[in-house]
Amino acid sequence: MNRVSIVAAVAVMGLTPSLGFSVGPAFAPRLSPSALTSISPHSSPLALRSTGPASLAQAQLNRRSLSRRTPAATGMQMNFLVEGLLRIGSCMPYILPMMDSLAYGRFIFQKVPLISMIFMTPLQPFVELAQAFPMLSFVAFLGLFLFVVRNKKIPRFVRFNTMQALLLEIILIFPQILTSSNMGGLIPFMFTEFISNMTFYSVVAIVVYSCLCNLRGELPCKIPVISTAVFQQIGGGAGYED
């Protein structure tokens, strides 16, 4: 059987499209377009050489598409870094109420010196700075309220925590009135100690809860009364944005 009859038989049987070969004058096998599209960009160099210029162009396009993923990955890393800084920055305003709460923990510190070391050691630089500049706490309070809480350009997550820390700072004025010099002896010493201890424990619990929520990326909005007052000032719901 000659070559012409072989070609005719193959054409009649319809094997040419299914095999992906086209029979030319020299009976040289070529890959059909469907076979070219199935080539992976990770194919071996021998496979790429045997497929011709079209497959090489396809491989180059695949490499370019893979290389375009690098900026996206970099953007994700940048977003992760920015979000991490926002979470840490949202915890910083709580330094103000924690500094003021140390005065209420004096009875606890006398009985358990270890607790004094745990809280006084990280806050000591801020306490010394506030003692060196008596108006610094007041200036920091006004600055946070005017330039952070009222600034719509700052993420709501940061503004919410800042306002909550400032409200906690304001609330600490009331136990200070009750415990200052026992109100001229009108309040028993045991009651004064109880108020001081409970105030310290409450502030520590609120600050720890808020910081843990911030580090987890959650809004610390479940504090009774205080969080409700913050929502009235900031507006919106429990989301990140207004």
C-alpha atoms as a PDB file:
ATOM      1  CA  MET A   1       0.000   0.000   0.000  1.00  0.00           C
ATOM      2  CA  ASN A   2       1.501   3.356  -1.048  1.00  0.00           C
ATOM      3  CA  ARG A   3       1.573   6.577   1.021  1.00  0.00           C
ATOM      4  CA  VAL A   4      -1.408   8.138  -0.811  1.00  0.00           C
ATOM      5  CA  SER A   5      -3.671   5.253   0.160  1.00  0.00           C
ATOM      6  CA  ILE A   6      -2.495   5.452   3.793  1.00  0.00           C
ATOM      7  CA  VAL A   7      -3.377   9.144   3.922  1.00  0.00           C
ATOM      8  CA  ALA A   8      -6.785   8.482   2.412  1.00  0.00           C
ATOM      9  CA  ALA A   9      -7.519   5.685   4.867  1.00  0.00           C
ATOM     10  CA  VAL A  10      -6.573   7.826   7.843  1.00  0.00           C
ATOM     11  CA  ALA A  11      -8.698  10.732   6.585  1.00  0.00           C
ATOM     12  CA  VAL A  12     -11.709   8.463   6.083  1.00  0.00           C
ATOM     13  CA  MET A  13     -11.423   6.958   9.544  1.00  0.00           C
ATOM     14  CA  GLY A  14     -11.291  10.457  11.119  1.00  0.00           C
ATOM     15  CA  LEU A  15      -8.193   9.759  13.162  1.00  0.00           C
ATOM     16  CA  THR A  16      -6.371  12.934  12.218  1.00  0.00           C
ATOM     17  CA  PRO A  17      -8.295  15.371  14.519  1.00  0.00           C
ATOM     18  CA  SER A  18      -8.380  12.972  17.440  1.00  0.00           C
ATOM     19  CA  LEU A  19      -4.658  12.299  17.352  1.00  0.00           C
ATOM     20  CA  GLY A  20      -3.807  15.965  17.012  1.00  0.00           C
ATOM     21  CA  PHE A  21      -1.603  15.414  13.934  1.00  0.00           C
ATOM     22  CA  SER A  22      -1.869  16.864  10.430  1.00  0.00           C
ATOM     23  CA  VAL A  23      -0.416  14.921   7.531  1.00  0.00           C
ATOM     24  CA  GLY A  24       1.595  17.161   5.239  1.00  0.00           C
ATOM     25  CA  PRO A  25       3.473  16.524   2.054  1.00  0.00           C
ATOM     26  CA  ALA A  26       6.423  15.161   3.989  1.00  0.00           C
ATOM     27  CA  PHE A  27       4.193  13.284   6.457  1.00  0.00           C
ATOM     28  CA  ALA A  28       5.777  15.360   9.323  1.00  0.00           C
ATOM     29  CA  PRO A  29       3.795  15.317  12.589  1.00  0.00           C
ATOM     30  CA  ARG A  30       2.646  18.698  13.856  1.00  0.00           C
ATOM     31  CA  LEU A  31       0.709  19.633  16.977  1.00  0.00           C
ATOM     32  CA  SER A  32      -2.788  20.930  16.426  1.00  0.00           C
ATOM     33  CA  PRO A  33      -3.972  24.154  18.178  1.00  0.00           C
ATOM     34  CA  SER A  34      -5.826  22.098  20.779  1.00  0.00           C
ATOM     35  CA  ALA A  35      -2.622  20.307  21.692  1.00  0.00           C
ATOM     36  CA  LEU A  36      -0.686  23.602  21.894  1.00  0.00           C
ATOM     37  CA  THR A  37      -3.068  25.021  24.465  1.00  0.00           C
ATOM     38  CA  SER A  38      -2.573  21.989  26.707  1.00  0.00           C
ATOM     39  CA  ILE A  39       1.156  22.619  27.109  1.00  0.00           C
ATOM     40  CA  SER A  40       2.092  23.526  30.667  1.00  0.00           C
ATOM     41  CA  PRO A  41       4.550  26.371  31.383  1.00  0.00           C
ATOM     42  CA  HIS A  42       6.505  23.861  33.463  1.00  0.00           C
ATOM     43  CA  SER A  43       7.151  21.536  30.532  1.00  0.00           C
ATOM     44  CA  SER A  44      10.668  20.301  29.926  1.00  0.00           C
ATOM     45  CA  PRO A  45      12.965  22.120  27.448  1.00  0.00           C
ATOM     46  CA  LEU A  46      12.821  19.123  25.066  1.00  0.00           C
ATOM     47  CA  ALA A  47       9.045  19.328  24.935  1.00  0.00           C
ATOM     48  CA  LEU A  48       9.184  23.075  24.269  1.00  0.00           C
ATOM     49  CA  ARG A  49      11.694  22.645  21.461  1.00  0.00           C
ATOM     50  CA  SER A  50       9.563  20.037  19.757  1.00  0.00           C
ATOM     51  CA  THR A  51       6.430  22.136  19.768  1.00  0.00           C
ATOM     52  CA  GLY A  52       7.650  25.057  17.680  1.00  0.00           C
ATOM     53  CA  PRO A  53       7.454  28.871  17.988  1.00  0.00           C
ATOM     54  CA  ALA A  54       3.790  28.939  18.962  1.00  0.00           C
ATOM     55  CA  SER A  55       4.373  26.868  22.099  1.00  0.00           C
ATOM     56  CA  LEU A  56       7.384  28.977  23.044  1.00  0.00           C
ATOM     57  CA  ALA A  57       5.282  32.140  22.783  1.00  0.00           C
ATOM     58  CA  GLN A  58       2.604  30.510  24.933  1.00  0.00           C
ATOM     59  CA  ALA A  59       5.211  29.570  27.550  1.00  0.00           C
ATOM     60  CA  GLN A  60       6.519  33.144  27.633  1.00  0.00           C
ATOM     61  CA  LEU A  61       2.991  34.458  28.182  1.00  0.00           C
ATOM     62  CA  ASN A  62       2.522  32.003  31.041  1.00  0.00           C
ATOM     63  CA  ARG A  63       5.780  33.114  32.629  1.00  0.00           C
ATOM     64  CA  ARG A  64       4.692  36.746  32.397  1.00  0.00           C
ATOM     65  CA  SER A  65       1.368  35.947  34.034  1.00  0.00           C
ATOM     66  CA  LEU A  66       3.191  34.188  36.852  1.00  0.00           C
ATOM     67  CA  SER A  67       5.563  37.107  37.332  1.00  0.00           C
ATOM     68  CA  ARG A  68       2.618  39.479  37.676  1.00  0.00           C
ATOM     69  CA  ARG A  69       1.609  37.771  40.904  1.00  0.00           C
ATOM     70  CA  THR A  70       4.618  39.178  42.760  1.00  0.00           C
ATOM     71  CA  PRO A  71       3.250  42.749  43.191  1.00  0.00           C
ATOM     72  CA  ALA A  72      -0.027  41.340  44.509  1.00  0.00           C
ATOM     73  CA  ALA A  73       1.840  39.302  47.106  1.00  0.00           C
ATOM     74  CA  THR A  74       3.843  42.379  48.063  1.00  0.00           C
ATOM     75  CA  GLY A  75       0.614  44.360  48.434  1.00  0.00           C
ATOM     76  CA  MET A  76      -0.796  41.698  50.750  1.00  0.00           C
ATOM     77  CA  GLN A  77       2.332  41.894  52.898  1.00  0.00           C
ATOM     78  CA  MET A  78       2.052  45.679  53.045  1.00  0.00           C
ATOM     79  CA  ASN A  79      -1.622  45.479  54.027  1.00  0.00           C
ATOM     80  CA  PHE A  80      -0.751  42.962  56.734  1.00  0.00           C
ATOM     81  CA  LEU A  81       1.950  45.302  58.068  1.00  0.00           C
ATOM     82  CA  VAL A  82      -0.357  48.332  58.068  1.00  0.00           C
ATOM     83  CA  GLU A  83      -3.119  46.392  59.789  1.00  0.00           C
ATOM     84  CA  GLY A  84      -0.674  45.171  62.425  1.00  0.00           C
ATOM     85  CA  LEU A  85       0.472  48.733  63.122  1.00  0.00           C
ATOM     86  CA  LEU A  86      -3.145  49.878  63.421  1.00  0.00           C
ATOM     87  CA  ARG A  87      -3.908  47.134  65.927  1.00  0.00           C
ATOM     88  CA  ILE A  88      -0.893  48.035  68.058  1.00  0.00           C
ATOM     89  CA  GLY A  89      -1.575  51.758  67.738  1.00  0.00           C
ATOM     90  CA  SER A  90      -5.153  51.248  68.933  1.00  0.00           C
ATOM     91  CA  CYS A  91      -3.788  49.911  72.233  1.00  0.00           C
ATOM     92  CA  MET A  92      -1.599  52.949  72.933  1.00  0.00           C
ATOM     93  CA  PRO A  93      -4.349  55.358  74.176  1.00  0.00           C
ATOM     94  CA  TYR A  94      -5.083  52.975  77.047  1.00  0.00           C
ATOM     95  CA  ILE A  95      -1.785  54.007  78.620  1.00  0.00           C
ATOM     96  CA  LEU A  96      -3.521  57.122  80.002  1.00  0.00           C
ATOM     97  CA  PRO A  97      -6.169  55.312  82.109  1.00  0.00           C
ATOM     98  CA  MET A  98      -3.634  52.698  83.166  1.00  0.00           C
ATOM     99  CA  MET A  99      -1.323  55.409  84.502  1.00  0.00           C
ATOM    100  CA  ASP A 100      -4.143  56.952  86.542  1.00  0.00           C
ATOM    101  CA  SER A 101      -5.280  53.544  87.812  1.00  0.00           C
ATOM    102  CA  LEU A 102      -1.929  52.957  89.535  1.00  0.00           C
ATOM    103  CA  ALA A 103      -2.978  55.321  92.314  1.00  0.00           C
ATOM    104  CA  TYR A 104      -5.991  53.101  93.044  1.00  0.00           C
ATOM    105  CA  GLY A 105      -3.832  49.997  93.232  1.00  0.00           C
ATOM    106  CA  ARG A 106      -1.663  51.246  96.083  1.00  0.00           C
ATOM    107  CA  PHE A 107      -3.323  48.944  98.637  1.00  0.00           C
ATOM    108  CA  ILE A 108      -2.869  45.931  96.359  1.00  0.00           C
ATOM    109  CA  PHE A 109       0.756  46.843  95.670  1.00  0.00           C
ATOM    110  CA  GLN A 110       1.494  46.996  99.399  1.00  0.00           C
ATOM    111  CA  LYS A 111       0.105  43.516  99.961  1.00  0.00           C
ATOM    112  CA  VAL A 112       1.438  41.896  96.768  1.00  0.00           C
ATOM    113  CA  PRO A 113       4.688  43.558  95.595  1.00  0.00           C
ATOM    114  CA  LEU A 114       4.846  41.268  92.550  1.00  0.00           C
ATOM    115  CA  ILE A 115       1.751  42.914  91.093  1.00  0.00           C
ATOM    116  CA  SER A 116       3.424  46.276  91.584  1.00  0.00           C
ATOM    117  CA  MET A 117       6.420  45.112  89.543  1.00  0.00           C
ATOM    118  CA  ILE A 118       4.201  43.772  86.763  1.00  0.00           C
ATOM    119  CA  PHE A 119       2.347  47.061  86.289  1.00  0.00           C
ATOM    120  CA  MET A 120       4.874  49.655  87.409  1.00  0.00           C
ATOM    121  CA  THR A 121       7.826  48.419  85.340  1.00  0.00           C
ATOM    122  CA  PRO A 122       6.335  49.014  81.846  1.00  0.00           C
ATOM    123  CA  LEU A 123       4.503  52.189  82.902  1.00  0.00           C
ATOM    124  CA  GLN A 124       7.333  53.759  84.878  1.00  0.00           C
ATOM    125  CA  PRO A 125       8.770  55.789  81.927  1.00  0.00           C
ATOM    126  CA  PHE A 126       5.349  57.304  81.215  1.00  0.00           C
ATOM    127  CA  VAL A 127       4.769  58.056  84.903  1.00  0.00           C
ATOM    128  CA  GLU A 128       8.119  59.815  85.197  1.00  0.00           C
ATOM    129  CA  LEU A 129       7.404  61.814  82.039  1.00  0.00           C
ATOM    130  CA  ALA A 130       4.016  62.883  83.398  1.00  0.00           C
ATOM    131  CA  GLN A 131       5.607  63.901  86.688  1.00  0.00           C
ATOM    132  CA  ALA A 132       8.263  65.939  84.880  1.00  0.00           C
ATOM    133  CA  PHE A 133       5.607  67.748  82.815  1.00  0.00           C
ATOM    134  CA  PRO A 134       2.401  68.018  84.892  1.00  0.00           C
ATOM    135  CA  MET A 135       0.355  69.374  81.985  1.00  0.00           C
ATOM    136  CA  LEU A 136       1.405  66.577  79.634  1.00  0.00           C
ATOM    137  CA  SER A 137      -1.535  64.302  80.475  1.00  0.00           C
ATOM    138  CA  PHE A 138      -4.023  67.098  79.872  1.00  0.00           C
ATOM    139  CA  VAL A 139      -2.364  68.058  76.577  1.00  0.00           C
ATOM    140  CA  ALA A 140      -2.327  64.406  75.486  1.00  0.00           C
ATOM    141  CA  PHE A 141      -6.026  64.102  76.355  1.00  0.00           C
ATOM    142  CA  LEU A 142      -6.975  67.142  74.270  1.00  0.00           C
ATOM    143  CA  GLY A 143      -4.688  66.141  71.428  1.00  0.00           C
ATOM    144  CA  LEU A 144      -6.159  62.651  71.174  1.00  0.00           C
ATOM    145  CA  PHE A 145      -9.705  63.980  71.255  1.00  0.00           C
ATOM    146  CA  LEU A 146      -9.212  66.778  68.723  1.00  0.00           C
ATOM    147  CA  PHE A 147      -6.755  65.204  66.291  1.00  0.00           C
ATOM    148  CA  VAL A 148      -7.656  61.507  66.513  1.00  0.00           C
ATOM    149  CA  VAL A 149     -11.277  61.070  67.601  1.00  0.00           C
ATOM    150  CA  ARG A 150     -12.567  63.973  65.478  1.00  0.00           C
ATOM    151  CA  ASN A 151     -10.384  63.203  62.483  1.00  0.00           C
ATOM    152  CA  LYS A 152     -12.432  61.258  59.917  1.00  0.00           C
ATOM    153  CA  LYS A 153      -9.289  60.415  57.938  1.00  0.00           C
ATOM    154  CA  ILE A 154      -8.060  58.155  60.707  1.00  0.00           C
ATOM    155  CA  PRO A 155      -9.527  54.621  60.638  1.00  0.00           C
ATOM    156  CA  ARG A 156     -12.597  54.181  62.783  1.00  0.00           C
ATOM    157  CA  PHE A 157     -10.938  51.269  64.580  1.00  0.00           C
ATOM    158  CA  VAL A 158      -8.318  53.633  66.032  1.00  0.00           C
ATOM    159  CA  ARG A 159     -10.807  56.406  66.791  1.00  0.00           C
ATOM    160  CA  PHE A 160     -13.131  54.033  68.627  1.00  0.00           C
ATOM    161  CA  ASN A 161     -10.377  52.780  70.932  1.00  0.00           C
ATOM    162  CA  THR A 162      -9.085  56.294  71.517  1.00  0.00           C
ATOM    163  CA  MET A 163     -12.518  57.563  72.526  1.00  0.00           C
ATOM    164  CA  GLN A 164     -13.062  54.558  74.775  1.00  0.00           C
ATOM    165  CA  ALA A 165      -9.733  55.173  76.544  1.00  0.00           C
ATOM    166  CA  LEU A 166     -10.597  58.854  77.037  1.00  0.00           C
ATOM    167  CA  LEU A 167     -14.013  58.005  78.490  1.00  0.00           C
ATOM    168  CA  LEU A 168     -12.356  55.570  80.857  1.00  0.00           C
ATOM    169  CA  GLU A 169     -10.010  58.376  81.866  1.00  0.00           C
ATOM    170  CA  ILE A 170     -12.981  60.643  82.624  1.00  0.00           C
ATOM    171  CA  ILE A 171     -14.781  57.973  84.673  1.00  0.00           C
ATOM    172  CA  LEU A 172     -11.747  57.663  86.955  1.00  0.00           C
ATOM    173  CA  ILE A 173     -12.514  61.124  88.320  1.00  0.00           C
ATOM    174  CA  PHE A 174     -15.497  59.836  90.344  1.00  0.00           C
ATOM    175  CA  PRO A 175     -13.700  57.223  92.486  1.00  0.00           C
ATOM    176  CA  GLN A 176     -10.961  59.789  93.033  1.00  0.00           C
ATOM    177  CA  ILE A 177     -13.503  62.091  94.645  1.00  0.00           C
ATOM    178  CA  LEU A 178     -14.727  59.303  96.927  1.00  0.00           C
ATOM    179  CA  THR A 179     -11.289  58.120  97.986  1.00  0.00           C
ATOM    180  CA  SER A 180      -9.512  61.456  98.402  1.00  0.00           C
ATOM    181  CA  SER A 181      -8.768  61.841 102.113  1.00  0.00           C
ATOM    182  CA  ASN A 182     -11.842  59.700 102.914  1.00  0.00           C
ATOM    183  CA  MET A 183     -13.973  62.776 102.202  1.00  0.00           C
ATOM    184  CA  GLY A 184     -12.997  64.369 105.486  1.00  0.00           C
ATOM    185  CA  GLY A 185     -13.476  61.171 107.461  1.00  0.00           C
ATOM    186  CA  LEU A 186     -17.036  60.618 106.310  1.00  0.00           C
ATOM    187  CA  ILE A 187     -16.158  57.343 104.566  1.00  0.00           C
ATOM    188  CA  PRO A 188     -14.619  54.456 106.554  1.00  0.00           C
ATOM    189  CA  PHE A 189     -11.129  53.360 105.584  1.00  0.00           C
ATOM    190  CA  MET A 190     -12.277  49.855 104.622  1.00  0.00           C
ATOM    191  CA  PHE A 191     -14.783  51.315 102.178  1.00  0.00           C
ATOM    192  CA  THR A 192     -12.082  53.533 100.684  1.00  0.00           C
ATOM    193  CA  GLU A 193      -9.787  50.555 100.227  1.00  0.00           C
ATOM    194  CA  PHE A 194     -12.599  48.548  98.641  1.00  0.00           C
ATOM    195  CA  ILE A 195     -13.398  51.318  96.149  1.00  0.00           C
ATOM    196  CA  SER A 196      -9.722  51.731  95.253  1.00  0.00           C
ATOM    197  CA  ASN A 197      -9.174  48.023  94.706  1.00  0.00           C
ATOM    198  CA  MET A 198     -12.326  47.574  92.640  1.00  0.00           C
ATOM    199  CA  THR A 199     -11.451  50.608  90.517  1.00  0.00           C
ATOM    200  CA  PHE A 200      -7.993  49.220  89.799  1.00  0.00           C
ATOM    201  CA  TYR A 201      -9.317  45.756  88.957  1.00  0.00           C
ATOM    202  CA  SER A 202     -12.011  47.221  86.685  1.00  0.00           C
ATOM    203  CA  VAL A 203      -9.581  49.400  84.739  1.00  0.00           C
ATOM    204  CA  VAL A 204      -7.125  46.529  84.299  1.00  0.00           C
ATOM    205  CA  ALA A 205      -9.909  44.211  83.097  1.00  0.00           C
ATOM    206  CA  ILE A 206     -11.196  46.776  80.594  1.00  0.00           C
ATOM    207  CA  VAL A 207      -7.727  47.566  79.249  1.00  0.00           C
ATOM    208  CA  VAL A 208      -6.737  43.900  78.943  1.00  0.00           C
ATOM    209  CA  TYR A 209     -10.011  43.073  77.189  1.00  0.00           C
ATOM    210  CA  SER A 210      -9.637  46.002  74.788  1.00  0.00           C
ATOM    211  CA  CYS A 211      -6.018  45.240  73.935  1.00  0.00           C
ATOM    212  CA  LEU A 212      -6.714  41.560  73.333  1.00  0.00           C
ATOM    213  CA  CYS A 213      -9.603  42.429  71.016  1.00  0.00           C
ATOM    214  CA  ASN A 214      -7.421  44.927  69.161  1.00  0.00           C
ATOM    215  CA  LEU A 215      -4.613  42.431  68.631  1.00  0.00           C
ATOM    216  CA  ARG A 216      -7.168  39.944  67.279  1.00  0.00           C
ATOM    217  CA  GLY A 217      -8.605  42.571  64.952  1.00  0.00           C
ATOM    218  CA  GLU A 218     -11.925  42.787  66.789  1.00  0.00           C
ATOM    219  CA  LEU A 219     -13.608  45.970  67.980  1.00  0.00           C
ATOM    220  CA  PRO A 220     -13.775  46.047  71.825  1.00  0.00           C
ATOM    221  CA  CYS A 221     -17.376  47.210  71.887  1.00  0.00           C
ATOM    222  CA  LYS A 222     -18.916  45.004  74.583  1.00  0.00           C
ATOM    223  CA  ILE A 223     -18.091  47.104  77.639  1.00  0.00           C
ATOM    224  CA  PRO A 224     -21.359  48.120  79.318  1.00  0.00           C
ATOM    225  CA  VAL A 225     -22.200  51.835  79.330  1.00  0.00           C
ATOM    226  CA  ILE A 226     -18.745  52.891  78.061  1.00  0.00           C
ATOM    227  CA  SER A 227     -18.979  51.285  74.628  1.00  0.00           C
ATOM    228  CA  THR A 228     -22.507  52.619  74.229  1.00  0.00           C
ATOM    229  CA  ALA A 229     -21.271  56.132  74.948  1.00  0.00           C
ATOM    230  CA  VAL A 230     -18.445  55.655  72.444  1.00  0.00           C
ATOM    231  CA  PHE A 231     -20.923  54.655  69.738  1.00  0.00           C
ATOM    232  CA  GLN A 232     -22.856  57.837  70.433  1.00  0.00           C
ATOM    233  CA  GLN A 233     -19.699  59.853  69.836  1.00  0.00           C
ATOM    234  CA  ILE A 234     -18.220  57.891  66.924  1.00  0.00           C
ATOM    235  CA  GLY A 235     -21.413  56.616  65.320  1.00  0.00           C
ATOM    236  CA  GLY A 236     -21.895  53.525  63.195  1.00  0.00           C
ATOM    237  CA  GLY A 237     -21.965  49.907  64.226  1.00  0.00           C
ATOM    238  CA  ALA A 238     -19.346  47.377  65.245  1.00  0.00           C
ATOM    239  CA  GLY A 239     -17.469  47.552  61.941  1.00  0.00           C
ATOM    240  CA  TYR A 240     -14.138  49.076  61.009  1.00  0.00           C
ATOM    241  CA  GLU A 241     -15.455  51.912  58.891  1.00  0.00           C
ATOM    242  CA  ASP A 242     -18.128  54.588  59.345  1.00  0.00           C
END
